[in-house]
């Protein structure tokens, strides 16, 4: 399994967010990556099938 190296400054920011939200870092990162991929696939302003906006 590929495990990319995450920049230290990003890890620090994610850790701060974890402390603020009391959510696991893996969930925060997964959510961020999913949102990035969704935006890349569907572009800004385009609606995803099944999305509610």
Foldseek 3Di string as FASTA:
>chain_A
DDDDDDDPVVVVVLVVVCVVVVDDSVVVVVVVVVVVVVCVVQPPPGDDVPDDD
